[in-house]
Amino acid sequence: MIWLGSARDDLRGFPADARQVAGFQLWRVQRGLEPNDWRPMPAVGLGVREIRVHTRLEHRVLYLAKFDEAIYVVHAFQKRSQRTPKRDVTLARERLREILKQRQKIGR
């Protein structure tokens, strides 16, 4: 698993119950399974998915699992409104763009 930007630290900042749920869902993804509650995030990029973490608060983990070498965790954040905030979508899109650029440089 490759964590982009501050995604790992952001997830570590989740409350314990949300962190446990997110960790289990990422474990499922590592095993080739789908998370229990997810949706595609085409606004961020093709293949990016959002894991929905429902505890006392709402949290989201955005990841990309379409490359053989790793699962890329793009962003993790607390969701405070119905719509995903534009700043979170923009940040995730920038991180994804950077990793795609790096992969292109090394010929993947």
C-alpha atoms as a PDB file:
ATOM      1  CA  MET A   1       0.000   0.000   0.000  1.00  0.00           C
ATOM      2  CA  ILE A   2       1.316   3.422  -0.939  1.00  0.00           C
ATOM      3  CA  TRP A   3       0.041   6.453   0.955  1.00  0.00           C
ATOM      4  CA  LEU A   4      -0.016   9.751  -0.926  1.00  0.00           C
ATOM      5  CA  GLY A   5       0.575  13.081   0.760  1.00  0.00           C
ATOM      6  CA  SER A   6      -0.738  13.191   4.314  1.00  0.00           C
ATOM      7  CA  ALA A   7      -3.307  10.403   3.803  1.00  0.00           C
ATOM      8  CA  ARG A   8      -1.733   8.041   6.366  1.00  0.00           C
ATOM      9  CA  ASP A   9      -1.440  10.738   9.021  1.00  0.00           C
ATOM     10  CA  ASP A  10      -4.971  11.925   8.246  1.00  0.00           C
ATOM     11  CA  LEU A  11      -6.326   8.407   8.722  1.00  0.00           C
ATOM     12  CA  ARG A  12      -4.345   8.054  11.954  1.00  0.00           C
ATOM     13  CA  GLY A  13      -6.176  11.178  13.112  1.00  0.00           C
ATOM     14  CA  PHE A  14      -9.584   9.491  12.786  1.00  0.00           C
ATOM     15  CA  PRO A  15     -11.289   8.490  16.045  1.00  0.00           C
ATOM     16  CA  ALA A  16     -10.396   4.925  17.084  1.00  0.00           C
ATOM     17  CA  ASP A  17     -13.672   3.377  15.865  1.00  0.00           C
ATOM     18  CA  ALA A  18     -13.433   5.022  12.421  1.00  0.00           C
ATOM     19  CA  ARG A  19      -9.744   4.133  12.154  1.00  0.00           C
ATOM     20  CA  GLN A  20     -10.546   0.486  12.897  1.00  0.00           C
ATOM     21  CA  VAL A  21     -13.312   0.343  10.277  1.00  0.00           C
ATOM     22  CA  ALA A  22     -11.136   2.085   7.656  1.00  0.00           C
ATOM     23  CA  GLY A  23      -8.232  -0.264   8.384  1.00  0.00           C
ATOM     24  CA  PHE A  24     -10.436  -3.322   8.000  1.00  0.00           C
ATOM     25  CA  GLN A  25     -11.856  -2.043   4.716  1.00  0.00           C
ATOM     26  CA  LEU A  26      -8.351  -1.365   3.362  1.00  0.00           C
ATOM     27  CA  TRP A  27      -7.356  -4.883   4.462  1.00  0.00           C
ATOM     28  CA  ARG A  28     -10.268  -6.207   2.359  1.00  0.00           C
ATOM     29  CA  VAL A  29      -9.023  -4.215  -0.647  1.00  0.00           C
ATOM     30  CA  GLN A  30      -5.501  -5.634  -0.186  1.00  0.00           C
ATOM     31  CA  ARG A  31      -6.999  -9.120  -0.377  1.00  0.00           C
ATOM     32  CA  GLY A  32      -8.754  -8.363  -3.668  1.00  0.00           C
ATOM     33  CA  LEU A  33     -12.185  -7.880  -2.101  1.00  0.00           C
ATOM     34  CA  GLU A  34     -14.406  -4.844  -2.316  1.00  0.00           C
ATOM     35  CA  PRO A  35     -15.026  -2.674   0.742  1.00  0.00           C
ATOM     36  CA  ASN A  36     -18.423  -3.172   2.356  1.00  0.00           C
ATOM     37  CA  ASP A  37     -19.556   0.363   1.502  1.00  0.00           C
ATOM     38  CA  TRP A  38     -17.948   2.239  -1.370  1.00  0.00           C
ATOM     39  CA  ARG A  39     -18.679   4.279  -4.460  1.00  0.00           C
ATOM     40  CA  PRO A  40     -16.669   5.319  -7.499  1.00  0.00           C
ATOM     41  CA  MET A  41     -15.167   8.815  -7.473  1.00  0.00           C
ATOM     42  CA  PRO A  42     -14.861   9.797 -11.154  1.00  0.00           C
ATOM     43  CA  ALA A  43     -14.574  13.453 -10.098  1.00  0.00           C
ATOM     44  CA  VAL A  44     -11.133  12.540  -8.726  1.00  0.00           C
ATOM     45  CA  GLY A  45     -10.093  10.135 -11.478  1.00  0.00           C
ATOM     46  CA  LEU A  46     -10.868   6.883 -13.265  1.00  0.00           C
ATOM     47  CA  GLY A  47     -10.622   3.930 -10.936  1.00  0.00           C
ATOM     48  CA  VAL A  48     -10.630   5.985  -7.730  1.00  0.00           C
ATOM     49  CA  ARG A  49     -13.041   4.654  -5.124  1.00  0.00           C
ATOM     50  CA  GLU A  50     -14.340   6.101  -1.896  1.00  0.00           C
ATOM     51  CA  ILE A  51     -14.636   3.905   1.186  1.00  0.00           C
ATOM     52  CA  ARG A  52     -17.493   5.168   3.330  1.00  0.00           C
ATOM     53  CA  VAL A  53     -16.855   4.880   7.049  1.00  0.00           C
ATOM     54  CA  HIS A  54     -20.008   5.259   9.130  1.00  0.00           C
ATOM     55  CA  THR A  55     -19.428   5.676  12.845  1.00  0.00           C
ATOM     56  CA  ARG A  56     -20.570   8.471  15.143  1.00  0.00           C
ATOM     57  CA  LEU A  57     -18.985  10.736  12.511  1.00  0.00           C
ATOM     58  CA  GLU A  58     -18.618  10.225   8.764  1.00  0.00           C
ATOM     59  CA  HIS A  59     -15.161   9.596   7.293  1.00  0.00           C
ATOM     60  CA  ARG A  60     -13.935   8.784   3.807  1.00  0.00           C
ATOM     61  CA  VAL A  61     -10.846   7.089   2.389  1.00  0.00           C
ATOM     62  CA  LEU A  62     -10.118   7.517  -1.325  1.00  0.00           C
ATOM     63  CA  TYR A  63      -7.974   4.876  -2.989  1.00  0.00           C
ATOM     64  CA  LEU A  64      -6.881   3.548  -6.368  1.00  0.00           C
ATOM     65  CA  ALA A  65      -6.378  -0.203  -6.772  1.00  0.00           C
ATOM     66  CA  LYS A  66      -6.024  -0.695 -10.520  1.00  0.00           C
ATOM     67  CA  PHE A  67      -2.236  -1.065 -10.713  1.00  0.00           C
ATOM     68  CA  ASP A  68      -0.407  -4.326 -10.010  1.00  0.00           C
ATOM     69  CA  GLU A  69       2.363  -2.817  -7.908  1.00  0.00           C
ATOM     70  CA  ALA A  70       0.248  -1.290  -5.132  1.00  0.00           C
ATOM     71  CA  ILE A  71      -2.949   0.152  -3.797  1.00  0.00           C
ATOM     72  CA  TYR A  72      -2.631   3.918  -3.641  1.00  0.00           C
ATOM     73  CA  VAL A  73      -4.411   5.645  -0.752  1.00  0.00           C
ATOM     74  CA  VAL A  74      -5.042   9.069  -2.191  1.00  0.00           C
ATOM     75  CA  HIS A  75      -6.828  10.916   0.635  1.00  0.00           C
ATOM     76  CA  ALA A  76      -8.536  10.380   4.006  1.00  0.00           C
ATOM     77  CA  PHE A  77     -10.840  12.924   5.637  1.00  0.00           C
ATOM     78  CA  GLN A  78     -13.843  13.540   7.844  1.00  0.00           C
ATOM     79  CA  LYS A  79     -16.952  14.285   5.847  1.00  0.00           C
ATOM     80  CA  ARG A  80     -19.008  17.054   7.391  1.00  0.00           C
ATOM     81  CA  SER A  81     -21.584  17.757   4.694  1.00  0.00           C
ATOM     82  CA  GLN A  82     -23.749  15.888   2.199  1.00  0.00           C
ATOM     83  CA  ARG A  83     -21.450  16.684  -0.725  1.00  0.00           C
ATOM     84  CA  THR A  84     -17.746  15.937  -0.752  1.00  0.00           C
ATOM     85  CA  PRO A  85     -16.064  19.339  -0.294  1.00  0.00           C
ATOM     86  CA  LYS A  86     -14.414  20.704  -3.418  1.00  0.00           C
ATOM     87  CA  ARG A  87     -11.089  21.161  -1.587  1.00  0.00           C
ATOM     88  CA  ASP A  88     -10.989  17.419  -0.796  1.00  0.00           C
ATOM     89  CA  VAL A  89     -11.759  16.474  -4.404  1.00  0.00           C
ATOM     90  CA  THR A  90      -9.142  18.928  -5.682  1.00  0.00           C
ATOM     91  CA  LEU A  91      -6.483  17.674  -3.248  1.00  0.00           C
ATOM     92  CA  ALA A  92      -7.167  14.044  -4.168  1.00  0.00           C
ATOM     93  CA  ARG A  93      -7.068  14.882  -7.885  1.00  0.00           C
ATOM     94  CA  GLU A  94      -3.697  16.641  -7.483  1.00  0.00           C
ATOM     95  CA  ARG A  95      -2.222  13.681  -5.589  1.00  0.00           C
ATOM     96  CA  LEU A  96      -3.506  11.265  -8.205  1.00  0.00           C
ATOM     97  CA  ARG A  97      -2.112  13.383 -11.029  1.00  0.00           C
ATOM     98  CA  GLU A  98       1.310  13.406  -9.341  1.00  0.00           C
ATOM     99  CA  ILE A  99       1.443   9.610  -8.922  1.00  0.00           C
ATOM    100  CA  LEU A 100       0.328   9.058 -12.520  1.00  0.00           C
ATOM    101  CA  LYS A 101       3.076  11.435 -13.685  1.00  0.00           C
ATOM    102  CA  GLN A 102       5.678   9.525 -11.615  1.00  0.00           C
ATOM    103  CA  ARG A 103       4.501   6.181 -12.975  1.00  0.00           C
ATOM    104  CA  GLN A 104       4.780   7.511 -16.521  1.00  0.00           C
ATOM    105  CA  LYS A 105       8.367   8.651 -15.892  1.00  0.00           C
ATOM    106  CA  ILE A 106       9.432   5.156 -14.844  1.00  0.00           C
ATOM    107  CA  GLY A 107       7.594   3.548 -17.741  1.00  0.00           C
ATOM    108  CA  ARG A 108       4.681   1.881 -15.983  1.00  0.00           C
END
